[in-house]
Amino acid sequence: MATHPEILWAQRSSETEEEKNIVYLTINLPDVQENTIKYELTPKSISFAAKAGNASKGIAEKDYEFKLDFFEEVVPEQSKKRINSRDISLILRKKEKKLEFWPRLTKEKLKIPFIKTDFGKWVDEDEQEGEALRPDDDFDMDMGGMGGMSGMGGMDIESMLANMKAQGGPKGDEEEEGTDSDDDGPPPLEDA
């Protein structure tokens, strides 16, 4: 019997900008075997089946599958898919342009335990007017300035610390005159 993989989702909406009218769907499936993926995206639903695991690494192989009917229609031709060793990421274009978010991912008003909100991509309806994630940026593998830390924007720690010292911030090992030092030991005991 097949198991349901964990699915994370988030969304953006816009009455005017088609590229901001999207649903982010992430199927968490480590060690997915790409040659076993069966994926069908229609305007009203998605079906997915795959095998994951790696017997040579001692990871048991399992079958995974699910089928979901969407709350509203999407445009399969304008949607994108990316597969890596940890997950399958989809960016689905909503068919209808409107400002309101979908109240849920699925047509049925049921709590489905393997579908969860992707808080890493989630933006509240009233906060989405700022710069939203662009669909192409989400699939970009550039990790930014600090090795392995995405989104740090080329931060230079050394220059940041030098700037803090210049502005009177932390001065390293130097201690200001008259400050209390932990090297003095405990205060003397009082006679009872």
N, C-alpha and C. Protein backbone atom coordinates (compact mmCIF):
# COMPACT_ATOMS: atom_id res chain seq x y z
N MET A 1 0.84 -1.20 0.00
CA MET A 1 0.00 0.00 0.00
C MET A 1 0.88 1.26 0.00
N ALA A 2 0.50 2.23 -0.78
CA ALA A 2 1.28 3.47 -0.91
C ALA A 2 1.01 4.40 0.27
N THR A 3 2.02 5.21 0.61
CA THR A 3 1.96 6.18 1.68
C THR A 3 1.81 7.57 1.08
N HIS A 4 1.20 8.50 1.83
CA HIS A 4 1.11 9.89 1.38
C HIS A 4 2.39 10.62 1.76
N PRO A 5 3.02 11.33 0.82
CA PRO A 5 4.16 12.17 1.20
C PRO A 5 3.67 13.45 1.86
N GLU A 6 4.53 14.11 2.63
CA GLU A 6 4.17 15.40 3.21
C GLU A 6 4.12 16.46 2.11
N ILE A 7 3.06 17.27 2.12
CA ILE A 7 2.89 18.33 1.13
C ILE A 7 2.83 19.66 1.87
N LEU A 8 3.67 20.61 1.46
CA LEU A 8 3.65 21.97 2.01
C LEU A 8 3.11 22.89 0.93
N TRP A 9 2.31 23.89 1.35
CA TRP A 9 1.78 24.82 0.36
C TRP A 9 1.69 26.24 0.91
N ALA A 10 1.78 27.19 -0.02
CA ALA A 10 1.62 28.61 0.27
C ALA A 10 1.08 29.24 -1.01
N GLN A 11 0.69 30.50 -0.94
CA GLN A 11 0.10 31.13 -2.13
C GLN A 11 0.32 32.63 -2.16
N ARG A 12 0.11 33.21 -3.33
CA ARG A 12 0.07 34.65 -3.55
C ARG A 12 -1.16 34.91 -4.42
N SER A 13 -1.70 36.12 -4.35
CA SER A 13 -2.85 36.48 -5.18
C SER A 13 -2.74 37.92 -5.63
N SER A 14 -3.28 38.18 -6.81
CA SER A 14 -3.30 39.54 -7.35
C SER A 14 -4.42 39.65 -8.37
N GLU A 15 -5.13 40.78 -8.34
CA GLU A 15 -6.18 41.03 -9.32
C GLU A 15 -5.61 41.42 -10.68
N THR A 16 -4.40 41.98 -10.67
CA THR A 16 -3.85 42.54 -11.90
C THR A 16 -2.62 41.82 -12.44
N GLU A 17 -1.76 41.31 -11.56
CA GLU A 17 -0.50 40.72 -12.00
C GLU A 17 -0.58 39.19 -12.00
N GLU A 18 -0.57 38.63 -13.19
CA GLU A 18 -0.70 37.18 -13.35
C GLU A 18 0.43 36.41 -12.66
N GLU A 19 1.66 36.96 -12.70
CA GLU A 19 2.81 36.26 -12.12
C GLU A 19 2.75 36.20 -10.59
N LYS A 20 1.89 37.00 -9.97
CA LYS A 20 1.74 36.96 -8.51
C LYS A 20 0.53 36.12 -8.09
N ASN A 21 -0.10 35.49 -9.04
CA ASN A 21 -1.28 34.66 -8.79
C ASN A 21 -0.86 33.19 -8.81
N ILE A 22 -0.21 32.74 -7.73
CA ILE A 22 0.41 31.41 -7.76
C ILE A 22 0.17 30.63 -6.46
N VAL A 23 0.36 29.32 -6.58
CA VAL A 23 0.35 28.41 -5.43
C VAL A 23 1.70 27.71 -5.43
N TYR A 24 2.40 27.75 -4.28
CA TYR A 24 3.64 27.01 -4.11
C TYR A 24 3.28 25.66 -3.51
N LEU A 25 3.72 24.59 -4.12
CA LEU A 25 3.45 23.24 -3.62
C LEU A 25 4.77 22.50 -3.55
N THR A 26 5.10 21.99 -2.37
CA THR A 26 6.34 21.24 -2.19
C THR A 26 5.99 19.85 -1.69
N ILE A 27 6.43 18.85 -2.44
CA ILE A 27 6.21 17.45 -2.05
C ILE A 27 7.52 16.98 -1.43
N ASN A 28 7.54 16.84 -0.10
CA ASN A 28 8.76 16.42 0.60
C ASN A 28 8.92 14.92 0.42
N LEU A 29 9.95 14.54 -0.34
CA LEU A 29 10.18 13.13 -0.63
C LEU A 29 11.67 12.90 -0.84
N PRO A 30 12.43 12.75 0.27
CA PRO A 30 13.87 12.52 0.13
C PRO A 30 14.16 11.21 -0.61
N ASP A 31 15.23 11.22 -1.36
CA ASP A 31 15.69 10.05 -2.13
C ASP A 31 14.65 9.54 -3.12
N VAL A 32 13.90 10.47 -3.73
CA VAL A 32 12.92 10.06 -4.74
C VAL A 32 13.66 9.49 -5.95
N GLN A 33 13.12 8.44 -6.51
CA GLN A 33 13.69 7.84 -7.72
C GLN A 33 12.99 8.48 -8.91
N GLU A 34 13.71 9.39 -9.57
CA GLU A 34 13.10 10.20 -10.64
C GLU A 34 12.45 9.38 -11.73
N ASN A 35 13.02 8.23 -12.05
CA ASN A 35 12.47 7.41 -13.14
C ASN A 35 11.14 6.76 -12.76
N THR A 36 10.72 6.84 -11.50
CA THR A 36 9.44 6.25 -11.07
C THR A 36 8.32 7.28 -10.91
N ILE A 37 8.63 8.56 -11.11
CA ILE A 37 7.65 9.61 -10.89
C ILE A 37 6.56 9.57 -11.96
N LYS A 38 5.32 9.51 -11.48
CA LYS A 38 4.13 9.62 -12.33
C LYS A 38 3.40 10.85 -11.82
N TYR A 39 3.30 11.86 -12.67
CA TYR A 39 2.79 13.17 -12.25
C TYR A 39 1.82 13.67 -13.31
N GLU A 40 0.61 14.02 -12.88
CA GLU A 40 -0.36 14.57 -13.82
C GLU A 40 -1.01 15.79 -13.19
N LEU A 41 -0.87 16.93 -13.86
CA LEU A 41 -1.46 18.18 -13.41
C LEU A 41 -2.54 18.58 -14.40
N THR A 42 -3.77 18.69 -13.93
CA THR A 42 -4.88 19.16 -14.75
C THR A 42 -5.36 20.48 -14.15
N PRO A 43 -6.24 21.20 -14.83
CA PRO A 43 -6.72 22.46 -14.26
C PRO A 43 -7.40 22.29 -12.89
N LYS A 44 -8.00 21.14 -12.64
CA LYS A 44 -8.75 20.95 -11.40
C LYS A 44 -8.09 20.04 -10.38
N SER A 45 -7.01 19.34 -10.76
CA SER A 45 -6.44 18.37 -9.82
C SER A 45 -4.97 18.08 -10.10
N ILE A 46 -4.37 17.36 -9.17
CA ILE A 46 -3.01 16.87 -9.33
C ILE A 46 -2.99 15.43 -8.82
N SER A 47 -2.29 14.59 -9.56
CA SER A 47 -2.05 13.22 -9.07
C SER A 47 -0.55 12.97 -9.16
N PHE A 48 -0.05 12.22 -8.19
CA PHE A 48 1.38 12.01 -8.08
C PHE A 48 1.62 10.61 -7.51
N ALA A 49 2.61 9.93 -8.06
CA ALA A 49 3.05 8.64 -7.52
C ALA A 49 4.54 8.52 -7.80
N ALA A 50 5.26 7.93 -6.86
CA ALA A 50 6.71 7.74 -7.03
C ALA A 50 7.20 6.74 -6.00
N LYS A 51 8.40 6.29 -6.23
CA LYS A 51 9.08 5.41 -5.29
C LYS A 51 10.27 6.20 -4.74
N ALA A 52 10.48 6.08 -3.43
CA ALA A 52 11.60 6.77 -2.80
C ALA A 52 12.36 5.78 -1.94
N GLY A 53 13.64 6.04 -1.77
CA GLY A 53 14.50 5.17 -0.99
C GLY A 53 15.72 4.79 -1.80
N ASN A 54 16.70 4.21 -1.12
CA ASN A 54 17.93 3.81 -1.78
C ASN A 54 18.48 2.59 -1.05
N ALA A 55 18.26 1.42 -1.63
CA ALA A 55 18.67 0.17 -0.98
C ALA A 55 20.18 0.12 -0.75
N SER A 56 20.96 0.71 -1.65
CA SER A 56 22.43 0.68 -1.49
C SER A 56 22.90 1.49 -0.30
N LYS A 57 22.09 2.47 0.15
CA LYS A 57 22.43 3.27 1.33
C LYS A 57 21.69 2.79 2.58
N GLY A 58 20.97 1.69 2.44
CA GLY A 58 20.23 1.15 3.58
C GLY A 58 18.92 1.87 3.85
N ILE A 59 18.43 2.65 2.88
CA ILE A 59 17.16 3.35 3.04
C ILE A 59 16.09 2.54 2.31
N ALA A 60 15.13 2.04 3.08
CA ALA A 60 14.09 1.18 2.51
C ALA A 60 13.31 1.91 1.42
N GLU A 61 12.99 1.19 0.35
CA GLU A 61 12.20 1.76 -0.72
C GLU A 61 10.72 1.66 -0.38
N LYS A 62 10.00 2.77 -0.62
CA LYS A 62 8.56 2.82 -0.36
C LYS A 62 7.87 3.48 -1.53
N ASP A 63 6.60 3.11 -1.71
CA ASP A 63 5.77 3.75 -2.71
C ASP A 63 4.98 4.88 -2.07
N TYR A 64 4.90 6.01 -2.77
CA TYR A 64 4.16 7.18 -2.30
C TYR A 64 3.20 7.61 -3.38
N GLU A 65 2.03 8.09 -2.98
CA GLU A 65 1.09 8.63 -3.96
C GLU A 65 0.02 9.48 -3.28
N PHE A 66 -0.58 10.36 -4.09
CA PHE A 66 -1.73 11.15 -3.64
C PHE A 66 -2.45 11.70 -4.86
N LYS A 67 -3.70 12.09 -4.65
CA LYS A 67 -4.49 12.79 -5.66
C LYS A 67 -5.28 13.86 -4.92
N LEU A 68 -5.23 15.09 -5.42
CA LEU A 68 -5.93 16.21 -4.80
C LEU A 68 -6.75 16.95 -5.84
N ASP A 69 -7.95 17.37 -5.44
CA ASP A 69 -8.75 18.28 -6.26
C ASP A 69 -8.53 19.67 -5.69
N PHE A 70 -8.12 20.61 -6.54
CA PHE A 70 -7.83 21.97 -6.09
C PHE A 70 -9.09 22.74 -5.73
N PHE A 71 -8.93 23.74 -4.85
CA PHE A 71 -10.04 24.60 -4.46
C PHE A 71 -10.61 25.31 -5.68
N GLU A 72 -9.73 25.83 -6.53
CA GLU A 72 -10.12 26.45 -7.79
C GLU A 72 -9.15 25.98 -8.87
N GLU A 73 -9.38 26.40 -10.11
CA GLU A 73 -8.57 25.91 -11.22
C GLU A 73 -7.19 26.57 -11.29
N VAL A 74 -6.24 25.80 -11.85
CA VAL A 74 -4.89 26.29 -12.14
C VAL A 74 -4.65 26.16 -13.64
N VAL A 75 -3.54 26.73 -14.11
CA VAL A 75 -3.18 26.67 -15.53
C VAL A 75 -1.94 25.78 -15.66
N PRO A 76 -2.11 24.50 -16.01
CA PRO A 76 -0.97 23.58 -16.09
C PRO A 76 0.14 24.04 -17.04
N GLU A 77 -0.24 24.66 -18.16
CA GLU A 77 0.76 25.08 -19.15
C GLU A 77 1.69 26.16 -18.64
N GLN A 78 1.25 26.95 -17.66
CA GLN A 78 2.06 28.04 -17.11
C GLN A 78 2.64 27.69 -15.74
N SER A 79 2.55 26.45 -15.36
CA SER A 79 3.07 26.00 -14.07
C SER A 79 4.45 25.40 -14.26
N LYS A 80 5.24 25.36 -13.17
CA LYS A 80 6.63 24.89 -13.24
C LYS A 80 6.87 23.78 -12.23
N LYS A 81 7.86 22.93 -12.54
CA LYS A 81 8.21 21.82 -11.67
C LYS A 81 9.73 21.71 -11.58
N ARG A 82 10.23 21.42 -10.36
CA ARG A 82 11.66 21.20 -10.16
C ARG A 82 11.83 20.01 -9.22
N ILE A 83 12.71 19.10 -9.59
CA ILE A 83 12.95 17.91 -8.78
C ILE A 83 14.39 17.95 -8.28
N ASN A 84 14.57 17.71 -6.96
CA ASN A 84 15.92 17.55 -6.42
C ASN A 84 15.92 16.36 -5.48
N SER A 85 17.00 16.13 -4.79
CA SER A 85 17.13 14.93 -3.95
C SER A 85 16.26 14.96 -2.70
N ARG A 86 15.74 16.12 -2.32
CA ARG A 86 14.93 16.24 -1.09
C ARG A 86 13.43 16.39 -1.35
N ASP A 87 13.06 17.02 -2.49
CA ASP A 87 11.65 17.29 -2.71
C ASP A 87 11.34 17.55 -4.18
N ILE A 88 10.07 17.66 -4.47
CA ILE A 88 9.58 18.08 -5.77
C ILE A 88 8.86 19.41 -5.52
N SER A 89 9.31 20.48 -6.15
CA SER A 89 8.73 21.81 -5.95
C SER A 89 7.93 22.20 -7.17
N LEU A 90 6.72 22.68 -6.93
CA LEU A 90 5.84 23.11 -8.01
C LEU A 90 5.41 24.55 -7.78
N ILE A 91 5.32 25.31 -8.85
CA ILE A 91 4.72 26.63 -8.80
C ILE A 91 3.55 26.57 -9.78
N LEU A 92 2.35 26.62 -9.22
CA LEU A 92 1.13 26.48 -10.00
C LEU A 92 0.50 27.84 -10.21
N ARG A 93 0.18 28.16 -11.45
CA ARG A 93 -0.44 29.44 -11.77
C ARG A 93 -1.95 29.31 -11.58
N LYS A 94 -2.53 30.19 -10.75
CA LYS A 94 -3.98 30.20 -10.56
C LYS A 94 -4.65 30.72 -11.83
N LYS A 95 -5.78 30.14 -12.19
CA LYS A 95 -6.48 30.56 -13.40
C LYS A 95 -7.16 31.91 -13.22
N GLU A 96 -7.87 32.07 -12.12
CA GLU A 96 -8.63 33.29 -11.89
C GLU A 96 -7.80 34.31 -11.13
N LYS A 97 -7.72 35.53 -11.68
CA LYS A 97 -7.00 36.61 -11.01
C LYS A 97 -7.93 37.31 -10.04
N LYS A 98 -7.62 37.18 -8.75
CA LYS A 98 -8.38 37.91 -7.73
C LYS A 98 -7.51 38.10 -6.51
N LEU A 99 -7.82 39.13 -5.75
CA LEU A 99 -7.01 39.51 -4.61
C LEU A 99 -7.12 38.53 -3.44
N GLU A 100 -8.28 37.92 -3.27
CA GLU A 100 -8.50 37.03 -2.13
C GLU A 100 -7.72 35.73 -2.28
N PHE A 101 -7.19 35.26 -1.16
CA PHE A 101 -6.52 33.96 -1.11
C PHE A 101 -7.56 32.85 -1.18
N TRP A 102 -7.11 31.68 -1.62
CA TRP A 102 -7.93 30.49 -1.47
C TRP A 102 -8.01 30.20 0.03
N PRO A 103 -9.16 29.82 0.54
CA PRO A 103 -9.24 29.51 1.98
C PRO A 103 -8.53 28.20 2.34
N ARG A 104 -8.32 27.36 1.35
CA ARG A 104 -7.63 26.07 1.54
C ARG A 104 -7.14 25.59 0.18
N LEU A 105 -6.27 24.61 0.17
CA LEU A 105 -5.72 24.07 -1.08
C LEU A 105 -6.73 23.19 -1.81
N THR A 106 -7.48 22.41 -1.05
CA THR A 106 -8.35 21.40 -1.66
C THR A 106 -9.80 21.86 -1.76
N LYS A 107 -10.50 21.21 -2.67
CA LYS A 107 -11.92 21.49 -2.87
C LYS A 107 -12.73 21.07 -1.64
N GLU A 108 -12.39 19.90 -1.09
CA GLU A 108 -13.09 19.38 0.07
C GLU A 108 -12.68 20.16 1.32
N LYS A 109 -13.65 20.42 2.17
CA LYS A 109 -13.37 21.14 3.41
C LYS A 109 -13.05 20.12 4.50
N LEU A 110 -11.91 19.44 4.34
CA LEU A 110 -11.47 18.42 5.28
C LEU A 110 -10.06 18.74 5.75
N LYS A 111 -9.74 18.33 6.96
CA LYS A 111 -8.37 18.45 7.46
C LYS A 111 -7.62 17.22 6.96
N ILE A 112 -6.67 17.46 6.08
CA ILE A 112 -5.88 16.36 5.51
C ILE A 112 -4.52 16.38 6.20
N PRO A 113 -4.19 15.35 6.97
CA PRO A 113 -2.99 15.40 7.83
C PRO A 113 -1.66 15.53 7.10
N PHE A 114 -1.56 15.13 5.84
CA PHE A 114 -0.28 15.23 5.15
C PHE A 114 -0.11 16.54 4.39
N ILE A 115 -1.09 17.44 4.45
CA ILE A 115 -0.99 18.77 3.82
C ILE A 115 -0.80 19.80 4.92
N LYS A 116 0.30 20.58 4.80
CA LYS A 116 0.63 21.57 5.81
C LYS A 116 0.97 22.91 5.16
N THR A 117 0.85 23.97 5.93
CA THR A 117 1.21 25.30 5.44
C THR A 117 2.72 25.44 5.39
N ASP A 118 3.23 25.99 4.31
CA ASP A 118 4.66 26.25 4.16
C ASP A 118 4.92 27.67 4.67
N PHE A 119 5.25 27.78 5.96
CA PHE A 119 5.45 29.09 6.56
C PHE A 119 6.71 29.78 6.04
N GLY A 120 7.61 29.06 5.41
CA GLY A 120 8.79 29.66 4.81
C GLY A 120 8.44 30.51 3.59
N LYS A 121 7.31 30.21 2.96
CA LYS A 121 6.90 30.95 1.76
C LYS A 121 5.60 31.73 1.98
N TRP A 122 4.97 31.52 3.11
CA TRP A 122 3.67 32.13 3.35
C TRP A 122 3.79 33.64 3.58
N VAL A 123 2.83 34.38 3.04
CA VAL A 123 2.69 35.82 3.26
C VAL A 123 1.21 36.06 3.52
N ASP A 124 0.89 36.86 4.54
CA ASP A 124 -0.50 37.19 4.81
C ASP A 124 -1.09 37.99 3.66
N GLU A 125 -2.40 37.88 3.48
CA GLU A 125 -3.08 38.59 2.40
C GLU A 125 -2.80 40.08 2.41
N ASP A 126 -2.82 40.69 3.59
CA ASP A 126 -2.64 42.14 3.67
C ASP A 126 -1.17 42.56 3.57
N GLU A 127 -0.25 41.61 3.59
CA GLU A 127 1.18 41.94 3.49
C GLU A 127 1.78 41.57 2.14
N GLN A 128 0.99 41.09 1.22
CA GLN A 128 1.54 40.60 -0.04
C GLN A 128 1.83 41.70 -1.06
N GLU A 129 1.50 42.94 -0.74
CA GLU A 129 1.77 44.04 -1.67
C GLU A 129 3.25 44.33 -1.79
N GLY A 130 4.06 43.92 -0.80
CA GLY A 130 5.51 44.08 -0.88
C GLY A 130 6.04 43.21 -2.00
N GLU A 131 7.34 43.15 -2.12
CA GLU A 131 7.93 42.34 -3.18
C GLU A 131 7.76 40.86 -2.87
N ALA A 132 6.95 40.20 -3.65
CA ALA A 132 6.71 38.76 -3.48
C ALA A 132 7.85 37.97 -4.11
N LEU A 133 7.96 36.71 -3.74
CA LEU A 133 8.94 35.84 -4.38
C LEU A 133 8.59 35.73 -5.85
N ARG A 134 9.57 35.93 -6.69
CA ARG A 134 9.32 35.74 -8.11
C ARG A 134 9.46 34.25 -8.40
N PRO A 135 8.61 33.70 -9.26
CA PRO A 135 8.66 32.26 -9.52
C PRO A 135 10.03 31.78 -9.94
N ASP A 136 10.75 32.55 -10.75
CA ASP A 136 12.08 32.11 -11.19
C ASP A 136 13.09 32.13 -10.05
N ASP A 137 12.95 33.08 -9.11
CA ASP A 137 13.86 33.16 -7.98
C ASP A 137 13.71 31.94 -7.07
N ASP A 138 12.52 31.43 -6.96
CA ASP A 138 12.28 30.30 -6.07
C ASP A 138 13.02 29.06 -6.55
N PHE A 139 13.26 28.94 -7.85
CA PHE A 139 13.97 27.79 -8.38
C PHE A 139 15.44 28.09 -8.65
N ASP A 140 15.90 29.29 -8.25
CA ASP A 140 17.29 29.68 -8.42
C ASP A 140 18.12 29.04 -7.33
N MET A 141 19.24 28.44 -7.67
CA MET A 141 20.05 27.73 -6.69
C MET A 141 21.21 28.57 -6.14
N ASP A 142 21.28 29.87 -6.46
CA ASP A 142 22.33 30.72 -5.92
C ASP A 142 22.11 30.91 -4.43
N MET A 143 23.12 30.63 -3.61
CA MET A 143 22.96 30.65 -2.16
C MET A 143 23.31 31.98 -1.53
N GLY A 144 23.64 33.00 -2.26
CA GLY A 144 23.94 34.30 -1.66
C GLY A 144 25.33 34.34 -1.07
N GLY A 145 25.65 35.39 -0.33
CA GLY A 145 27.00 35.68 0.12
C GLY A 145 27.65 34.70 1.07
N MET A 146 26.95 34.19 2.08
CA MET A 146 27.60 33.32 3.05
C MET A 146 27.39 31.88 2.65
N GLY A 147 28.42 31.09 2.64
CA GLY A 147 28.36 29.71 2.22
C GLY A 147 27.27 28.94 2.93
N GLY A 148 26.30 28.42 2.18
CA GLY A 148 25.26 27.59 2.74
C GLY A 148 24.14 28.35 3.42
N MET A 149 24.21 29.68 3.49
CA MET A 149 23.13 30.42 4.15
C MET A 149 22.43 31.29 3.12
N SER A 150 21.34 30.79 2.61
CA SER A 150 20.62 31.49 1.57
C SER A 150 20.02 32.78 2.10
N GLY A 151 19.97 33.78 1.25
CA GLY A 151 19.30 35.02 1.58
C GLY A 151 20.09 35.98 2.44
N MET A 152 21.38 35.74 2.65
CA MET A 152 22.16 36.64 3.49
C MET A 152 22.71 37.82 2.70
N GLY A 153 22.53 37.80 1.38
CA GLY A 153 22.84 38.97 0.57
C GLY A 153 24.27 39.43 0.60
N GLY A 154 25.26 38.55 0.64
CA GLY A 154 26.65 38.94 0.59
C GLY A 154 27.13 39.63 1.85
N MET A 155 26.56 39.30 2.99
CA MET A 155 26.92 39.94 4.25
C MET A 155 28.38 39.65 4.60
N ASP A 156 29.11 40.69 5.00
CA ASP A 156 30.51 40.54 5.39
C ASP A 156 30.61 40.80 6.89
N ILE A 157 30.80 39.76 7.66
CA ILE A 157 30.83 39.85 9.13
C ILE A 157 31.97 40.75 9.61
N GLU A 158 33.15 40.62 9.00
CA GLU A 158 34.31 41.41 9.43
C GLU A 158 34.03 42.91 9.31
N SER A 159 33.48 43.33 8.17
CA SER A 159 33.21 44.76 7.99
C SER A 159 32.08 45.21 8.92
N MET A 160 31.13 44.34 9.21
CA MET A 160 30.06 44.69 10.13
C MET A 160 30.60 44.92 11.54
N LEU A 161 31.51 44.05 12.00
CA LEU A 161 32.11 44.21 13.33
C LEU A 161 32.98 45.47 13.41
N ALA A 162 33.75 45.75 12.34
CA ALA A 162 34.58 46.95 12.31
C ALA A 162 33.71 48.20 12.37
N ASN A 163 32.60 48.17 11.68
CA ASN A 163 31.66 49.29 11.68
C ASN A 163 31.06 49.49 13.07
N MET A 164 30.74 48.40 13.77
CA MET A 164 30.19 48.50 15.12
C MET A 164 31.21 49.12 16.09
N LYS A 165 32.48 48.74 15.96
CA LYS A 165 33.53 49.30 16.82
C LYS A 165 33.67 50.80 16.57
N ALA A 166 33.61 51.19 15.28
CA ALA A 166 33.77 52.60 14.92
C ALA A 166 32.62 53.45 15.49
N GLN A 167 31.46 52.82 15.69
CA GLN A 167 30.31 53.55 16.21
C GLN A 167 30.18 53.41 17.72
N GLY A 168 31.21 52.87 18.38
CA GLY A 168 31.19 52.77 19.83
C GLY A 168 30.53 51.51 20.34
N GLY A 169 30.38 50.52 19.51
CA GLY A 169 29.76 49.25 19.92
C GLY A 169 30.76 48.36 20.64
N PRO A 170 30.55 47.04 20.60
CA PRO A 170 31.44 46.11 21.29
C PRO A 170 32.90 46.32 20.91
N LYS A 171 33.77 46.30 21.91
CA LYS A 171 35.19 46.57 21.67
C LYS A 171 36.05 45.34 21.90
N GLY A 172 35.47 44.17 21.79
CA GLY A 172 36.26 42.96 21.93
C GLY A 172 36.62 42.69 23.37
N ASP A 173 37.92 42.47 23.68
CA ASP A 173 38.37 42.10 25.02
C ASP A 173 38.61 43.31 25.92
N GLU A 174 38.58 44.54 25.35
CA GLU A 174 38.83 45.72 26.16
C GLU A 174 37.69 45.92 27.14
N GLU A 175 38.01 46.35 28.36
CA GLU A 175 36.98 46.60 29.34
C GLU A 175 37.01 48.06 29.72
N GLU A 176 35.82 48.67 29.78
CA GLU A 176 35.75 50.08 30.13
C GLU A 176 36.09 50.25 31.61
N GLU A 177 36.69 51.43 31.94
CA GLU A 177 37.05 51.72 33.31
C GLU A 177 35.80 51.86 34.16
N GLY A 178 35.81 51.28 35.36
CA GLY A 178 34.70 51.42 36.28
C GLY A 178 33.59 50.39 36.06
N THR A 179 33.77 49.50 35.11
CA THR A 179 32.73 48.49 34.91
C THR A 179 32.95 47.34 35.86
N ASP A 180 31.89 46.66 36.18
CA ASP A 180 31.95 45.52 37.07
C ASP A 180 32.52 44.33 36.31
N SER A 181 33.44 43.65 36.90
CA SER A 181 34.07 42.50 36.25
C SER A 181 33.67 41.23 36.98
N ASP A 182 33.48 40.18 36.24
CA ASP A 182 33.14 38.88 36.85
C ASP A 182 34.36 38.22 37.48
N ASP A 183 35.55 38.78 37.29
CA ASP A 183 36.77 38.18 37.83
C ASP A 183 36.99 38.49 39.30
N ASP A 184 36.17 39.34 39.91
CA ASP A 184 36.34 39.73 41.31
C ASP A 184 35.91 38.64 42.28
N GLY A 185 35.18 37.65 41.84
CA GLY A 185 34.70 36.59 42.73
C GLY A 185 33.42 37.01 43.42
N PRO A 186 32.92 36.16 44.31
CA PRO A 186 31.65 36.46 44.98
C PRO A 186 31.85 37.54 46.04
N PRO A 187 30.80 38.25 46.41
CA PRO A 187 30.91 39.28 47.46
C PRO A 187 31.16 38.60 48.80
N PRO A 188 31.77 39.35 49.76
CA PRO A 188 32.04 38.73 51.07
C PRO A 188 30.74 38.43 51.81
N LEU A 189 30.81 37.40 52.66
CA LEU A 189 29.63 37.03 53.46
C LEU A 189 29.50 37.96 54.65
N GLU A 190 28.28 38.21 55.04
CA GLU A 190 28.03 39.08 56.20
C GLU A 190 27.97 38.21 57.46
N ASP A 191 28.40 38.79 58.58
CA ASP A 191 28.30 38.07 59.85
C ASP A 191 26.84 38.02 60.28
N ALA A 192 26.46 36.87 60.82
CA ALA A 192 25.08 36.70 61.25
C ALA A 192 24.85 37.15 62.67
